Amino acid sequence: MLGLAAAFCRYGSKFGMRQQRFITALSACNKEEGQCVVGGHIDWDNLGFGIIPTDYMYVSSCTGDDGCFRQGKLRRFGNLELSPAAGVLNYGQGVYEGTKAFRRENGDKDGMFLFRPDLNAERMQISAARMCMPSPSTPVFLDALRQTLLANRRWIPPHGKGSLYIRPMVIGSGPVLGLAPAPLYTFLVYASPVGNYFKEGTAPLNLYVEEDFHRASRGGAAGVKSITNYAPVMKPLMTAKSRGFSDVLYLDSVHKRYVEEVSSCNIFIVKGNVVSTPATNGTILPGITRRSIIEIARDLGHEVEEREVDVEELSGADEVFCTGTAVGVAPVGSITYKGKRMEYKLGEETVGKKLGSTLFDIQRGAIADKNGWVVRI
């Protein structure tokens, strides 16, 4: 048995204890009204970012020969039964996506919303192809998100309290002993209500530039969302956290001088009117939030550069911020490199704050969604 809940790794003892208290409190959930009652009131203020089992997950399968995922089924959220020889367990043959469902101020009257889910479908297809796996078509992918969201709608936090994180995955579930693609694949979608990704909440991040470990190398799979990309960053991440840092900023593995990514998000630097971010050259994941921020920045009159960003440029930057589905748009307060701590502008008037606020306003319907990014369910 492979437990999805057991697979989640909590970072930080205080965060883990808080998350466990919330999960324990689920025993007091009002099943009729779909509300989680803790201490006599609905407690959406202490979500954090961790697995909270919801009601249903979506599951579909296909063979490697067929290569086609058809209509799947909803089933109660629970464990998966896999062969010990499953391709995902032995050779890491798996890819995943992440998106969020959210409410607007009027709650159920407005409905539920997703942000650019078609791009998640496209990226999963690219990722799966790189890992020699079939992938769901865009219509099948979007329908799976819709079914999962509707079946778990009571778990979507109120407006401003968080979102329902939805994770679609394709894994090699069939048994394979020799190094080869699995004969059977499973497409599944599960969800969990979440708050802020970082334990700092909305406070500025403090990053550490890693020089000994690398997240990616040219010709590898870092440009796609393979499950194999994430376990290798846990060791440097845990070391950085033990030293009081929020996360790790990685350099390229060839020259060891060009900024690439933070452990689970893209990075931007701001100098004057210029917003720069490392180009997606195969070692950097093309983030959907990243792409959206680039488009918003250009619309607002900023010059945007996608290029190699030398680590030495960090000392002269006005601002630094990170982007990602899980993290949103997170300000960086400082970066430490070779023992030197560099600090950056923060506050409501910063470029990063304005770009993030514009994105949030589009999502909540405060300004026009001229590009059709927000999808109502």
Protein backbone atom coordinates (compact mmCIF):
# COMPACT_ATOMS: atom_id res chain seq x y z
CA MET A 1 0.00 0.00 0.00
CA LEU A 2 1.18 3.49 -0.83
CA GLY A 3 -0.41 6.12 1.42
CA LEU A 4 -0.63 9.58 -0.10
CA ALA A 5 -1.03 11.12 3.34
CA ALA A 6 2.03 9.28 4.61
CA ALA A 7 4.04 10.50 1.65
CA PHE A 8 3.79 14.13 2.72
CA CYS A 9 6.93 15.43 4.43
CA ARG A 10 6.35 18.23 6.92
CA TYR A 11 9.11 20.79 7.34
CA GLY A 12 9.54 22.37 10.76
CA SER A 13 8.36 20.94 14.06
CA LYS A 14 6.12 23.87 14.92
CA PHE A 15 4.40 23.72 11.55
CA GLY A 16 3.99 19.95 11.80
CA MET A 17 2.43 20.22 15.27
CA ARG A 18 0.04 22.90 14.07
CA GLN A 19 -0.92 20.78 11.07
CA GLN A 20 -1.49 17.72 13.26
CA ARG A 21 -3.77 19.71 15.56
CA PHE A 22 -5.84 20.69 12.54
CA ILE A 23 -6.04 17.12 11.25
CA THR A 24 -7.04 15.88 14.71
CA ALA A 25 -9.74 18.52 14.79
CA LEU A 26 -11.29 17.06 11.67
CA SER A 27 -13.04 14.58 13.93
CA ALA A 28 -15.29 17.48 14.94
CA CYS A 29 -16.28 18.23 11.35
CA ASN A 30 -19.94 18.87 10.73
CA LYS A 31 -20.56 16.47 7.86
CA GLU A 32 -24.04 17.81 7.15
CA GLU A 33 -22.98 21.41 6.64
CA GLY A 34 -19.54 20.60 5.22
CA GLN A 35 -17.79 22.77 7.78
CA CYS A 36 -14.82 21.93 9.97
CA VAL A 37 -15.63 23.07 13.49
CA VAL A 38 -12.73 23.49 15.90
CA GLY A 39 -13.42 24.77 19.37
CA GLY A 40 -16.96 25.79 18.41
CA HIS A 41 -16.08 27.82 15.33
CA ILE A 42 -14.90 27.28 11.77
CA ASP A 43 -11.12 27.35 11.86
CA TRP A 44 -9.67 28.20 8.44
CA ASP A 45 -6.93 30.36 9.93
CA ASN A 46 -4.42 27.63 10.75
CA LEU A 47 -4.28 25.61 7.56
CA GLY A 48 -0.62 25.88 6.66
CA PHE A 49 0.45 23.77 3.68
CA GLY A 50 -0.02 20.10 4.41
CA ILE A 51 -2.14 17.12 3.48
CA ILE A 52 -5.66 17.17 4.90
CA PRO A 53 -7.62 14.20 3.55
CA THR A 54 -10.70 15.29 1.61
CA ASP A 55 -13.64 13.20 0.39
CA TYR A 56 -12.86 11.98 -3.12
CA MET A 57 -10.12 11.48 -5.64
CA TYR A 58 -10.29 10.80 -9.37
CA VAL A 59 -8.64 7.71 -10.85
CA SER A 60 -8.17 6.52 -14.43
CA SER A 61 -5.78 4.08 -16.07
CA CYS A 62 -4.41 3.03 -19.43
CA THR A 63 -1.88 0.59 -20.81
CA GLY A 64 1.39 1.61 -22.36
CA ASP A 65 0.28 0.06 -25.65
CA ASP A 66 -3.04 1.91 -25.70
CA GLY A 67 -1.60 5.19 -24.44
CA CYS A 68 -5.05 6.73 -23.96
CA PHE A 69 -6.67 7.80 -20.69
CA ARG A 70 -10.43 7.70 -20.99
CA GLN A 71 -13.15 8.72 -18.57
CA GLY A 72 -12.09 7.89 -15.03
CA LYS A 73 -14.08 7.51 -11.84
CA LEU A 74 -14.33 9.22 -8.49
CA ARG A 75 -13.55 7.09 -5.47
CA ARG A 76 -13.17 7.81 -1.80
CA PHE A 77 -9.85 9.36 -0.92
CA GLY A 78 -7.56 6.62 0.31
CA ASN A 79 -4.50 4.52 -0.28
CA LEU A 80 -3.40 3.03 -3.57
CA GLU A 81 -2.43 -0.60 -4.01
CA LEU A 82 0.71 -0.99 -6.12
CA SER A 83 3.00 -3.83 -7.07
CA PRO A 84 6.43 -3.62 -5.41
CA ALA A 85 7.74 -3.64 -8.99
CA ALA A 86 5.68 -0.61 -10.06
CA GLY A 87 7.58 1.68 -12.41
CA VAL A 88 7.01 4.70 -10.18
CA LEU A 89 8.51 2.93 -7.15
CA ASN A 90 11.52 1.43 -8.89
CA TYR A 91 12.43 3.97 -11.55
CA GLY A 92 10.65 7.17 -10.53
CA GLN A 93 8.36 7.14 -13.56
CA GLY A 94 5.88 9.78 -12.52
CA VAL A 95 4.89 13.39 -13.20
CA TYR A 96 2.52 15.74 -11.45
CA GLU A 97 0.90 19.15 -11.64
CA GLY A 98 -0.42 21.61 -9.09
CA THR A 99 -3.27 24.07 -9.36
CA LYS A 100 -5.62 25.79 -6.93
CA ALA A 101 -9.37 26.22 -6.72
CA PHE A 102 -10.62 29.28 -4.90
CA ARG A 103 -13.73 31.21 -3.98
CA ARG A 104 -14.51 34.86 -4.47
CA GLU A 105 -16.02 37.25 -1.94
CA ASN A 106 -19.62 36.12 -2.50
CA GLY A 107 -18.76 32.48 -1.84
CA ASP A 108 -21.02 29.90 -3.49
CA LYS A 109 -23.01 32.63 -5.25
CA ASP A 110 -19.98 33.32 -7.45
CA GLY A 111 -19.05 29.66 -7.87
CA MET A 112 -15.58 28.14 -7.77
CA PHE A 113 -12.62 29.09 -9.91
CA LEU A 114 -9.43 27.68 -11.40
CA PHE A 115 -6.53 29.65 -12.85
CA ARG A 116 -5.26 28.74 -16.34
CA PRO A 117 -5.81 24.98 -15.94
CA ASP A 118 -5.28 24.42 -19.67
CA LEU A 119 -1.60 25.26 -19.15
CA ASN A 120 -1.34 22.58 -16.48
CA ALA A 121 -2.74 20.08 -18.98
CA GLU A 122 -0.22 21.13 -21.63
CA ARG A 123 2.69 20.99 -19.22
CA MET A 124 1.69 17.53 -18.00
CA GLN A 125 1.67 16.31 -21.60
CA ILE A 126 5.18 17.66 -22.15
CA SER A 127 6.39 16.19 -18.85
CA ALA A 128 4.88 12.78 -19.55
CA ALA A 129 6.42 12.61 -23.02
CA ARG A 130 9.86 13.29 -21.54
CA MET A 131 9.37 10.41 -19.08
CA CYS A 132 8.08 7.96 -21.75
CA MET A 133 4.55 8.03 -20.36
CA PRO A 134 1.07 8.54 -21.82
CA SER A 135 -0.85 11.59 -20.62
CA PRO A 136 -4.50 12.62 -20.50
CA SER A 137 -5.78 14.82 -23.29
CA THR A 138 -6.63 18.40 -22.33
CA PRO A 139 -10.41 17.71 -22.26
CA VAL A 140 -9.91 14.62 -20.06
CA PHE A 141 -7.53 16.51 -17.77
CA LEU A 142 -9.91 19.46 -17.35
CA ASP A 143 -12.90 17.18 -16.74
CA ALA A 144 -10.94 15.33 -14.06
CA LEU A 145 -10.19 18.63 -12.32
CA ARG A 146 -13.85 19.62 -12.54
CA GLN A 147 -15.09 16.32 -11.08
CA THR A 148 -12.53 16.38 -8.27
CA LEU A 149 -13.35 19.98 -7.42
CA LEU A 150 -17.12 19.49 -7.38
CA ALA A 151 -16.84 16.34 -5.28
CA ASN A 152 -14.67 18.17 -2.71
CA ARG A 153 -16.25 21.61 -2.87
CA ARG A 154 -16.95 21.73 0.86
CA TRP A 155 -13.19 21.73 1.46
CA ILE A 156 -12.56 25.00 -0.39
CA PRO A 157 -11.69 27.64 2.25
CA PRO A 158 -13.68 30.88 2.40
CA HIS A 159 -12.41 33.79 0.33
CA GLY A 160 -9.14 35.11 1.71
CA LYS A 161 -8.53 32.08 3.94
CA GLY A 162 -6.74 29.82 1.47
CA SER A 163 -7.53 27.59 -1.46
CA LEU A 164 -8.07 23.97 -2.43
CA TYR A 165 -4.77 22.69 -3.79
CA ILE A 166 -5.40 20.13 -6.54
CA ARG A 167 -2.68 17.70 -7.55
CA PRO A 168 -3.06 15.69 -10.78
CA MET A 169 -0.51 12.88 -11.23
CA VAL A 170 0.42 10.26 -13.79
CA ILE A 171 2.43 7.34 -12.44
CA GLY A 172 3.85 4.14 -13.85
CA SER A 173 1.68 1.79 -11.81
CA GLY A 174 2.38 -1.42 -13.73
CA PRO A 175 5.17 -3.81 -12.70
CA VAL A 176 8.50 -3.69 -14.52
CA LEU A 177 11.78 -5.26 -13.43
CA GLY A 178 14.21 -4.27 -16.19
CA LEU A 179 14.79 -0.62 -16.96
CA ALA A 180 11.87 0.12 -19.28
CA PRO A 181 8.58 2.06 -19.34
CA ALA A 182 5.84 0.54 -17.21
CA PRO A 183 3.10 -1.50 -18.93
CA LEU A 184 0.28 0.27 -17.04
CA TYR A 185 -0.28 3.89 -15.98
CA THR A 186 -2.59 5.56 -13.50
CA PHE A 187 -3.88 9.13 -13.76
CA LEU A 188 -5.16 10.39 -10.44
CA VAL A 189 -6.24 13.71 -8.99
CA TYR A 190 -6.53 14.49 -5.29
CA ALA A 191 -7.00 17.70 -3.33
CA SER A 192 -6.25 19.31 0.02
CA PRO A 193 -7.21 22.69 1.52
CA VAL A 194 -4.12 24.83 2.06
CA GLY A 195 -3.01 28.17 3.41
CA ASN A 196 0.43 29.71 2.99
CA TYR A 197 3.21 27.50 1.64
CA PHE A 198 5.97 28.98 3.80
CA LYS A 199 5.78 28.90 7.58
CA GLU A 200 6.61 32.61 7.48
CA GLY A 201 3.15 33.19 5.99
CA THR A 202 3.28 36.40 3.99
CA ALA A 203 6.48 37.59 5.68
CA PRO A 204 9.55 38.11 3.45
CA LEU A 205 11.64 35.06 2.62
CA ASN A 206 15.29 34.67 3.55
CA LEU A 207 17.11 32.61 0.92
CA TYR A 208 20.47 30.85 0.95
CA VAL A 209 22.52 30.38 -2.23
CA GLU A 210 23.59 26.73 -2.43
CA GLU A 211 27.06 26.13 -3.90
CA ASP A 212 27.69 22.45 -3.18
CA PHE A 213 24.46 20.86 -4.41
CA HIS A 214 22.68 21.44 -7.72
CA ARG A 215 19.03 21.06 -8.53
CA ALA A 216 19.47 20.38 -12.24
CA SER A 217 21.88 19.68 -15.06
CA ARG A 218 21.62 20.24 -18.78
CA GLY A 219 20.00 17.39 -20.63
CA GLY A 220 18.18 16.21 -17.50
CA ALA A 221 14.52 16.41 -16.61
CA ALA A 222 14.45 19.63 -14.55
CA GLY A 223 12.54 21.44 -17.27
CA VAL A 224 9.53 19.16 -16.73
CA LYS A 225 7.54 18.38 -13.59
CA SER A 226 8.93 14.93 -12.89
CA ILE A 227 8.69 13.55 -9.37
CA THR A 228 12.41 12.76 -9.57
CA ASN A 229 13.32 16.45 -9.39
CA TYR A 230 12.28 17.01 -5.81
CA ALA A 231 13.81 14.43 -3.46
CA PRO A 232 17.39 15.54 -4.30
CA VAL A 233 16.73 19.06 -2.99
CA MET A 234 15.51 17.88 0.40
CA LYS A 235 18.98 17.54 1.94
CA PRO A 236 20.19 21.09 1.17
CA LEU A 237 16.72 22.43 1.96
CA MET A 238 16.64 20.85 5.39
CA THR A 239 20.17 22.07 6.09
CA ALA A 240 19.20 25.62 5.13
CA LYS A 241 16.06 25.50 7.26
CA SER A 242 18.06 24.28 10.25
CA ARG A 243 20.16 27.43 9.86
CA GLY A 244 17.14 29.71 9.85
CA PHE A 245 16.66 30.22 6.11
CA SER A 246 13.31 29.91 4.32
CA ASP A 247 14.57 28.11 1.24
CA VAL A 248 17.50 27.50 -1.09
CA LEU A 249 18.44 29.30 -4.30
CA TYR A 250 20.33 27.09 -6.75
CA LEU A 251 23.00 27.96 -9.29
CA ASP A 252 23.64 26.31 -12.65
CA SER A 253 25.73 23.15 -12.50
CA VAL A 254 28.11 24.07 -15.36
CA HIS A 255 29.45 27.51 -14.45
CA LYS A 256 28.14 27.66 -10.87
CA ARG A 257 27.41 31.34 -11.31
CA TYR A 258 23.99 31.69 -12.91
CA VAL A 259 20.83 31.80 -10.82
CA GLU A 260 18.29 29.10 -11.66
CA GLU A 261 15.46 28.32 -9.24
CA VAL A 262 14.46 28.12 -5.62
CA SER A 263 13.56 24.58 -4.45
CA SER A 264 9.96 24.76 -5.62
CA CYS A 265 9.47 28.12 -7.31
CA ASN A 266 10.83 30.54 -9.91
CA ILE A 267 12.73 33.70 -9.03
CA PHE A 268 12.67 37.30 -10.32
CA ILE A 269 14.96 40.26 -9.72
CA VAL A 270 14.00 43.91 -10.20
CA LYS A 271 16.31 46.79 -11.07
CA GLY A 272 14.57 50.03 -11.87
CA ASN A 273 11.89 49.36 -14.47
CA VAL A 274 13.50 46.08 -15.57
CA VAL A 275 12.16 42.76 -14.31
CA SER A 276 14.52 39.84 -15.00
CA THR A 277 14.12 36.10 -14.56
CA PRO A 278 16.26 33.13 -15.62
CA ALA A 279 15.34 31.78 -19.04
CA THR A 280 13.70 28.36 -19.21
CA ASN A 281 16.51 26.56 -21.04
CA GLY A 282 15.75 23.00 -19.95
CA THR A 283 16.99 23.23 -16.38
CA ILE A 284 14.23 25.51 -15.13
CA LEU A 285 10.55 24.64 -14.87
CA PRO A 286 8.33 26.94 -16.98
CA GLY A 287 6.01 27.99 -14.17
CA ILE A 288 2.45 29.06 -14.91
CA THR A 289 2.55 31.80 -12.28
CA ARG A 290 5.93 32.84 -13.72
CA ARG A 291 4.42 33.13 -17.20
CA SER A 292 1.45 35.11 -15.87
CA ILE A 293 3.65 37.56 -13.95
CA ILE A 294 5.78 38.13 -17.06
CA GLU A 295 2.67 38.96 -19.09
CA ILE A 296 1.29 41.24 -16.38
CA ALA A 297 4.62 43.05 -16.00
CA ARG A 298 4.76 43.77 -19.72
CA ASP A 299 1.16 44.99 -19.69
CA LEU A 300 2.06 47.39 -16.87
CA GLY A 301 4.94 48.86 -18.86
CA HIS A 302 7.91 47.02 -17.38
CA GLU A 303 10.78 45.76 -19.48
CA VAL A 304 11.00 42.01 -18.94
CA GLU A 305 14.15 40.03 -19.60
CA GLU A 306 14.32 36.23 -19.73
CA ARG A 307 18.05 35.55 -19.69
CA GLU A 308 20.99 34.23 -17.73
CA VAL A 309 21.10 36.02 -14.39
CA ASP A 310 24.56 36.16 -12.84
CA VAL A 311 24.58 35.56 -9.10
CA GLU A 312 26.66 38.72 -8.69
CA GLU A 313 23.66 40.74 -9.92
CA LEU A 314 21.86 39.93 -6.69
CA SER A 315 23.98 42.49 -4.83
CA GLY A 316 22.72 45.29 -7.07
CA ALA A 317 19.04 44.32 -7.32
CA ASP A 318 16.35 46.57 -5.89
CA GLU A 319 13.91 43.73 -5.28
CA VAL A 320 13.69 39.96 -5.47
CA PHE A 321 10.55 37.84 -5.42
CA CYS A 322 9.51 34.25 -6.08
CA THR A 323 6.53 32.84 -7.96
CA GLY A 324 4.74 29.50 -8.06
CA THR A 325 1.33 27.90 -7.75
CA ALA A 326 1.97 26.89 -4.16
CA VAL A 327 3.82 30.04 -3.05
CA GLY A 328 1.93 32.63 -5.11
CA VAL A 329 4.08 35.77 -5.39
CA ALA A 330 6.37 35.83 -2.36
CA PRO A 331 8.69 38.75 -1.51
CA VAL A 332 12.33 38.02 -0.68
CA GLY A 333 13.76 40.04 2.16
CA SER A 334 17.32 38.78 1.96
CA ILE A 335 19.66 36.39 0.17
CA THR A 336 22.88 35.09 1.71
CA TYR A 337 25.75 34.24 -0.65
CA LYS A 338 29.30 33.36 0.44
CA GLY A 339 28.54 34.61 3.93
CA LYS A 340 27.25 37.98 2.71
CA ARG A 341 23.63 38.88 3.46
CA MET A 342 21.97 41.10 0.83
CA GLU A 343 18.69 42.82 1.70
CA TYR A 344 15.97 44.09 -0.64
CA LYS A 345 13.14 46.58 -0.77
CA LEU A 346 9.83 45.51 0.69
CA GLY A 347 6.39 47.04 1.04
CA GLU A 348 3.24 47.98 -0.80
CA GLU A 349 5.01 50.14 -3.39
CA THR A 350 7.41 47.50 -4.65
CA VAL A 351 7.13 46.12 -8.15
CA GLY A 352 6.71 42.57 -6.90
CA LYS A 353 3.85 43.58 -4.62
CA LYS A 354 2.05 45.41 -7.41
CA LEU A 355 2.46 42.51 -9.83
CA GLY A 356 1.22 40.03 -7.22
CA SER A 357 -1.73 42.23 -6.32
CA THR A 358 -2.70 42.55 -9.98
CA LEU A 359 -2.63 38.79 -10.35
CA PHE A 360 -4.74 38.36 -7.22
CA ASP A 361 -7.21 41.01 -8.38
CA ILE A 362 -7.66 39.17 -11.68
CA GLN A 363 -8.32 35.94 -9.80
CA ARG A 364 -10.85 37.49 -7.43
CA GLY A 365 -12.62 39.43 -10.17
CA ALA A 366 -11.67 42.92 -8.96
CA ILE A 367 -10.22 43.81 -12.38
CA ALA A 368 -11.12 42.56 -15.83
CA ASP A 369 -9.79 39.17 -16.89
CA LYS A 370 -9.14 40.26 -20.46
CA ASN A 371 -7.15 37.13 -21.30
CA GLY A 372 -9.67 34.59 -20.03
CA TRP A 373 -7.27 33.13 -17.48
CA VAL A 374 -9.86 32.41 -14.78
CA VAL A 375 -12.20 29.46 -15.33
CA ARG A 376 -15.48 29.29 -13.42
CA ILE A 377 -16.65 25.85 -12.32
